[in-house]
Amino acid sequence: MVPPEIIAASILFGLVNPAVIVAGLVLGVLLHHWWQPVLAAGVMAAVFAAWDIYTLPPGAEIVWTGVPASLVPPLAWCIAGFLGGGWWRQRATAGQRRGLQLAMAVLGCIVLGAVVGGFCGVAAGMFYVSAAHVGSLEGQAGYVVAFLFAPAGILVGAVGGGFVGRLGGRRFSVPRLPEA
């Protein structure tokens, strides 16, 4: 049996965890039906539980009776985002909706570009390390890859992704005039 104060602390930690807050609000805003926040919260709780299980130290035990409490914080933030998104959709004008579409396209492309750029930067750094015969003494090769090539790749990818998102989002969010 899990003591109630442990369950309360687990729920409180989930409610103030930035990853849960951002993911729950973003998913909640994107949902349109009453059952979708419940499903999204279940998926979020499963993903966070899997991550917690993966990162447990050797010999640690999981208290399975306390795991259902991990559904409460994602559910709370998904419902908050769902209600806020519904409220905004009712009151937003067409211009505001297009602006939000453009902002979401740019933000999504920035994140995707940063991830792709980071992978490309790490790959370029590993190629440089092997081509230039950088030594591994005290992690020299790792420092070159992690602190020189990866951040440069992330920066270039994010800027390029934002540019592509701006052009693509603008193209798809601008209303088309009917042909005469």
Protein backbone atom coordinates (compact mmCIF):
# COMPACT_ATOMS: atom_id res chain seq x y z
CA MET A 1 0.00 0.00 0.00
CA VAL A 2 1.34 3.38 -1.01
CA PRO A 3 1.08 6.08 1.66
CA PRO A 4 -1.29 8.91 0.64
CA GLU A 5 1.41 11.55 1.05
CA ILE A 6 3.56 9.78 -1.57
CA ILE A 7 0.66 9.72 -4.03
CA ALA A 8 -0.10 13.40 -3.31
CA ALA A 9 3.56 14.31 -3.84
CA SER A 10 3.61 12.37 -7.11
CA ILE A 11 0.51 14.18 -8.36
CA LEU A 12 1.86 17.57 -7.25
CA PHE A 13 5.20 16.92 -8.97
CA GLY A 14 3.35 16.01 -12.16
CA LEU A 15 1.24 19.16 -11.99
CA VAL A 16 4.31 21.42 -11.81
CA ASN A 17 6.51 19.43 -14.21
CA PRO A 18 7.14 21.65 -17.28
CA ALA A 19 7.17 18.69 -19.67
CA VAL A 20 3.72 17.59 -18.50
CA ILE A 21 2.38 21.15 -18.57
CA VAL A 22 3.58 21.98 -22.08
CA ALA A 23 2.68 18.60 -23.60
CA GLY A 24 -0.74 18.56 -21.94
CA LEU A 25 -1.65 22.10 -22.94
CA VAL A 26 -0.46 21.70 -26.53
CA LEU A 27 -2.24 18.39 -26.98
CA GLY A 28 -5.36 19.75 -25.30
CA VAL A 29 -5.54 22.79 -27.57
CA LEU A 30 -5.28 20.59 -30.66
CA LEU A 31 -8.15 18.29 -29.63
CA HIS A 32 -11.80 18.77 -30.65
CA HIS A 33 -13.84 15.96 -29.01
CA TRP A 34 -14.52 15.34 -25.31
CA TRP A 35 -12.93 11.88 -25.27
CA GLN A 36 -9.65 12.93 -26.87
CA PRO A 37 -8.13 14.61 -23.76
CA VAL A 38 -8.67 11.39 -21.81
CA LEU A 39 -6.95 9.35 -24.52
CA ALA A 40 -4.11 11.89 -24.85
CA ALA A 41 -3.60 11.91 -21.06
CA GLY A 42 -3.43 8.11 -21.04
CA VAL A 43 -0.82 8.11 -23.79
CA MET A 44 1.19 10.83 -22.00
CA ALA A 45 1.05 8.92 -18.71
CA ALA A 46 2.17 5.72 -20.45
CA VAL A 47 5.08 7.51 -22.15
CA PHE A 48 6.22 9.19 -18.92
CA ALA A 49 5.86 5.91 -17.00
CA ALA A 50 7.91 4.09 -19.63
CA TRP A 51 10.59 6.78 -19.37
CA ASP A 52 10.60 6.51 -15.58
CA ILE A 53 10.94 2.72 -15.76
CA TYR A 54 13.75 3.03 -18.30
CA THR A 55 15.71 5.48 -16.14
CA LEU A 56 15.33 3.63 -12.84
CA PRO A 57 18.61 2.71 -11.17
CA PRO A 58 19.44 -1.00 -10.90
CA GLY A 59 17.67 -2.68 -8.01
CA ALA A 60 14.92 -0.07 -7.70
CA GLU A 61 11.37 -1.29 -7.30
CA ILE A 62 8.24 0.08 -8.92
CA VAL A 63 5.23 0.63 -6.69
CA TRP A 64 2.54 -0.47 -9.13
CA THR A 65 -0.34 0.58 -6.89
CA GLY A 66 0.77 4.20 -7.21
CA VAL A 67 1.08 4.19 -11.01
CA PRO A 68 -2.59 5.10 -11.73
CA ALA A 69 -2.04 8.39 -9.90
CA SER A 70 0.33 9.39 -12.70
CA LEU A 71 -2.72 9.82 -14.97
CA VAL A 72 -4.04 12.78 -12.96
CA PRO A 73 -1.54 15.53 -13.97
CA PRO A 74 -1.63 14.88 -17.74
CA LEU A 75 -5.41 14.64 -17.59
CA ALA A 76 -5.65 17.96 -15.75
CA TRP A 77 -3.42 19.78 -18.25
CA CYS A 78 -5.04 18.15 -21.30
CA ILE A 79 -8.48 19.19 -20.05
CA ALA A 80 -7.22 22.73 -19.37
CA GLY A 81 -5.81 22.96 -22.90
CA PHE A 82 -8.98 21.41 -24.37
CA LEU A 83 -11.23 23.94 -22.62
CA GLY A 84 -8.94 26.85 -23.51
CA GLY A 85 -8.70 25.77 -27.13
CA GLY A 86 -12.47 25.41 -27.41
CA TRP A 87 -12.98 28.84 -25.84
CA TRP A 88 -10.46 30.40 -28.24
CA ARG A 89 -11.94 28.67 -31.32
CA GLN A 90 -15.38 30.07 -30.50
CA ARG A 91 -14.16 33.65 -30.21
CA ALA A 92 -11.35 33.82 -32.77
CA THR A 93 -11.79 35.61 -36.07
CA ALA A 94 -10.61 34.13 -39.35
CA GLY A 95 -7.51 36.36 -39.29
CA GLN A 96 -6.57 35.20 -35.80
CA ARG A 97 -6.96 31.57 -36.84
CA ARG A 98 -4.69 32.11 -39.83
CA GLY A 99 -2.15 33.81 -37.58
CA LEU A 100 -2.21 30.86 -35.19
CA GLN A 101 -1.83 28.44 -38.10
CA LEU A 102 1.20 30.38 -39.29
CA ALA A 103 2.71 30.50 -35.80
CA MET A 104 2.19 26.76 -35.28
CA ALA A 105 3.72 25.99 -38.69
CA VAL A 106 6.78 28.11 -37.90
CA LEU A 107 7.17 26.69 -34.39
CA GLY A 108 6.76 23.10 -35.57
CA CYS A 109 9.28 23.58 -38.37
CA ILE A 110 11.75 25.22 -35.97
CA VAL A 111 11.57 22.22 -33.63
CA LEU A 112 11.76 19.70 -36.47
CA GLY A 113 14.61 21.63 -38.10
CA ALA A 114 16.52 21.75 -34.81
CA VAL A 115 16.18 18.00 -34.33
CA VAL A 116 17.24 17.22 -37.90
CA GLY A 117 20.04 19.81 -37.70
CA GLY A 118 21.26 18.30 -34.42
CA PHE A 119 21.47 14.84 -35.97
CA CYS A 120 23.24 16.23 -39.03
CA GLY A 121 25.63 18.17 -36.80
CA VAL A 122 26.48 15.06 -34.79
CA ALA A 123 27.01 13.08 -38.01
CA ALA A 124 29.24 15.83 -39.44
CA GLY A 125 31.17 15.98 -36.17
CA MET A 126 31.73 12.23 -36.14
CA PHE A 127 32.92 12.42 -39.75
CA TYR A 128 35.29 15.27 -38.85
CA VAL A 129 36.63 13.37 -35.82
CA SER A 130 37.41 10.32 -37.92
CA ALA A 131 38.78 12.30 -40.90
CA ALA A 132 40.97 14.62 -38.80
CA HIS A 133 42.09 11.84 -36.43
CA VAL A 134 41.04 13.74 -33.32
CA GLY A 135 42.29 11.90 -30.26
CA SER A 136 40.08 10.42 -27.61
CA LEU A 137 42.25 11.50 -24.70
CA GLU A 138 39.94 12.74 -21.94
CA GLY A 139 37.01 12.84 -24.35
CA GLN A 140 38.48 15.23 -26.90
CA ALA A 141 36.50 13.71 -29.76
CA GLY A 142 33.27 13.86 -27.75
CA TYR A 143 33.84 17.50 -26.89
CA VAL A 144 34.37 18.36 -30.55
CA VAL A 145 31.15 16.63 -31.57
CA ALA A 146 28.99 17.72 -28.61
CA PHE A 147 30.16 21.31 -28.20
CA LEU A 148 31.17 22.35 -31.71
CA PHE A 149 29.19 20.48 -34.34
CA ALA A 150 25.92 19.58 -32.57
CA PRO A 151 25.02 23.14 -31.42
CA ALA A 152 25.93 24.53 -34.85
CA GLY A 153 23.70 21.92 -36.49
CA ILE A 154 20.84 22.69 -34.10
CA LEU A 155 21.15 26.43 -34.76
CA VAL A 156 21.33 26.08 -38.54
CA GLY A 157 18.47 23.57 -38.54
CA ALA A 158 16.24 25.75 -36.35
CA VAL A 159 16.83 28.86 -38.48
CA GLY A 160 16.29 26.92 -41.70
CA GLY A 161 13.21 25.22 -40.28
CA GLY A 162 11.75 28.56 -39.19
CA PHE A 163 12.33 29.99 -42.65
CA VAL A 164 10.70 26.98 -44.33
CA GLY A 165 7.82 27.07 -41.83
CA ARG A 166 7.25 30.76 -42.49
CA LEU A 167 7.13 30.27 -46.25
CA GLY A 168 5.08 27.08 -46.11
CA GLY A 169 2.75 28.26 -43.36
CA ARG A 170 2.12 31.53 -45.14
CA ARG A 171 1.33 29.69 -48.33
CA PHE A 172 -1.23 27.43 -46.67
CA SER A 173 -2.77 29.94 -44.25
CA VAL A 174 -3.43 32.79 -46.71
CA PRO A 175 -7.01 32.61 -47.97
CA ARG A 176 -7.35 31.85 -51.64
CA LEU A 177 -9.41 34.21 -53.73
CA PRO A 178 -11.93 32.57 -56.04
CA GLU A 179 -10.95 32.60 -59.67
CA ALA A 180 -13.01 34.89 -61.86
